[in-house]
Protein backbone atom coordinates (compact mmCIF):
# COMPACT_ATOMS: atom_id res chain seq x y z
CA UNK A 1 108.89 109.41 84.60
CA UNK A 2 111.54 107.09 85.89
CA UNK A 3 111.25 108.60 89.41
CA UNK A 4 107.56 108.24 89.37
CA UNK A 5 107.85 104.63 88.40
CA UNK A 6 110.48 104.05 91.03
CA UNK A 7 108.21 105.60 93.66
CA UNK A 8 105.27 103.41 92.57
CA UNK A 9 107.48 100.34 92.50
CA UNK A 10 108.81 100.97 95.97
CA UNK A 11 105.33 101.57 97.36
CA UNK A 12 104.16 98.38 95.71
CA UNK A 13 107.14 96.42 97.03
CA UNK A 14 106.67 97.58 100.61
CA UNK A 15 102.92 96.94 100.35
CA UNK A 16 103.44 93.40 98.98
CA UNK A 17 105.98 92.60 101.65
CA UNK A 18 103.79 93.95 104.42
CA UNK A 19 100.72 91.97 103.35
CA UNK A 20 102.82 88.72 102.89
CA UNK A 21 104.44 89.48 106.22
CA UNK A 22 101.07 89.44 107.90
CA UNK A 23 100.48 85.88 106.92
CA UNK A 24 103.22 84.48 109.16
CA UNK A 25 102.13 86.79 112.05
CA UNK A 26 98.57 85.36 111.75
CA UNK A 27 100.08 81.86 112.01
CA UNK A 28 101.82 82.92 115.26
CA UNK A 29 99.10 85.01 116.88
CA UNK A 30 95.79 83.27 116.08
CA UNK A 31 96.71 79.87 117.59
CA UNK A 32 98.20 81.63 120.56
CA UNK A 33 95.01 83.69 121.22
CA UNK A 34 92.46 80.86 120.71
CA UNK A 35 94.19 77.62 121.44
CA UNK A 36 92.77 77.48 124.91
CA UNK A 37 89.23 78.00 123.71
CA UNK A 38 89.44 76.23 120.52
CA UNK A 39 92.12 73.50 120.68
CA UNK A 40 91.65 72.62 117.02
CA UNK A 41 93.32 75.95 116.07
CA UNK A 42 96.63 74.41 117.56
CA UNK A 43 96.92 72.84 114.15
CA UNK A 44 97.67 76.40 112.83
CA UNK A 45 100.84 76.52 114.97
CA UNK A 46 102.91 75.41 112.08
CA UNK A 47 106.04 77.09 113.54
CA UNK A 48 105.59 75.03 116.77
CA UNK A 49 105.95 78.14 118.94
CA UNK A 50 106.55 77.27 122.49
CA UNK A 51 103.82 79.04 124.36
CA UNK A 52 101.08 81.55 123.60
CA UNK A 53 103.03 84.22 125.42
CA UNK A 54 106.17 83.46 123.44
CA UNK A 55 104.30 83.50 120.19
CA UNK A 56 102.76 86.80 120.70
CA UNK A 57 105.88 88.37 121.98
CA UNK A 58 107.93 86.87 119.09
CA UNK A 59 105.49 88.42 116.49
CA UNK A 60 105.53 91.83 118.17
CA UNK A 61 109.30 91.87 118.44
CA UNK A 62 109.68 90.67 114.84
CA UNK A 63 107.25 93.38 113.62
CA UNK A 64 109.23 96.06 115.42
CA UNK A 65 112.52 94.83 114.00
CA UNK A 66 111.19 94.43 110.36
CA UNK A 67 109.80 98.01 110.38
CA UNK A 68 113.25 99.40 111.32
CA UNK A 69 114.87 96.99 108.69
CA UNK A 70 112.42 98.36 105.91
CA UNK A 71 113.45 101.98 106.44
CA UNK A 72 116.50 101.91 104.19
CA UNK A 73 114.51 100.30 101.39
CA UNK A 74 111.78 102.91 101.70
CA UNK A 75 114.40 105.76 101.67
CA UNK A 76 116.47 104.25 98.80
CA UNK A 77 113.60 102.91 96.84
CA UNK A 78 113.34 99.96 94.57
CA UNK A 79 115.77 100.37 91.67
CA UNK A 80 113.96 101.10 88.40
CA UNK A 81 115.05 99.00 85.44
CA UNK A 82 113.27 99.44 82.08
CA UNK A 83 111.46 96.15 81.65
CA UNK A 84 108.02 94.97 80.84
CA UNK A 85 105.36 95.19 83.42
CA UNK A 86 104.94 91.38 83.70
CA UNK A 87 108.73 90.92 84.38
CA UNK A 88 108.71 93.62 87.04
CA UNK A 89 105.59 92.13 88.71
CA UNK A 90 107.01 88.71 88.66
CA UNK A 91 110.25 89.84 90.12
CA UNK A 92 108.79 91.91 92.86
CA UNK A 93 106.23 89.17 93.77
CA UNK A 94 109.16 86.67 94.08
CA UNK A 95 111.42 89.03 96.03
CA UNK A 96 108.96 90.94 98.22
CA UNK A 97 105.93 88.63 98.26
CA UNK A 98 107.67 85.22 98.71
CA UNK A 99 110.43 86.84 100.89
CA UNK A 100 107.62 88.49 102.86
CA UNK A 101 106.28 85.11 103.71
CA UNK A 102 109.45 83.16 104.29
CA UNK A 103 111.48 85.78 106.29
CA UNK A 104 108.81 86.29 109.00
CA UNK A 105 108.35 82.53 109.59
CA UNK A 106 112.11 82.13 110.14
CA UNK A 107 112.43 85.37 112.24
CA UNK A 108 109.53 84.71 114.47
CA UNK A 109 110.58 81.10 115.12
CA UNK A 110 114.20 82.24 115.87
CA UNK A 111 113.02 84.98 118.27
CA UNK A 112 110.66 82.44 119.98
CA UNK A 113 113.66 80.17 120.56
CA UNK A 114 115.63 83.02 122.14
CA UNK A 115 112.68 84.08 124.25
CA UNK A 116 112.17 80.45 125.54
CA UNK A 117 116.04 80.03 126.08
CA UNK A 118 116.11 83.45 128.01
CA UNK A 119 113.12 82.27 130.08
CA UNK A 120 111.12 85.23 129.21
CA UNK A 121 107.89 83.35 128.45
């Protein structure tokens, strides 16, 4: 039973992180794609990414890096600790949900700064 619960928790953690991770990528890609056509969407560029090219490249590079970074978690799994469902859900939402929103914003912005500094976009 513990192994089954650990598998479900790991799948839930990875899914939660992935969905939360997409939020930041949308804030990078949507303004970049449509800013020329709909200038009002530039307000969504909350990360103040330099150019549409650097924004999309940063999001793609971050996505490639985060997939590789999540492999150890997927292989190791989320540690099962016998606790109530509400406690486990709250902990996983805090770690993987909130972390899945914050980490990409920071990562994409840092990659954007590196791309601009290197003159790639």
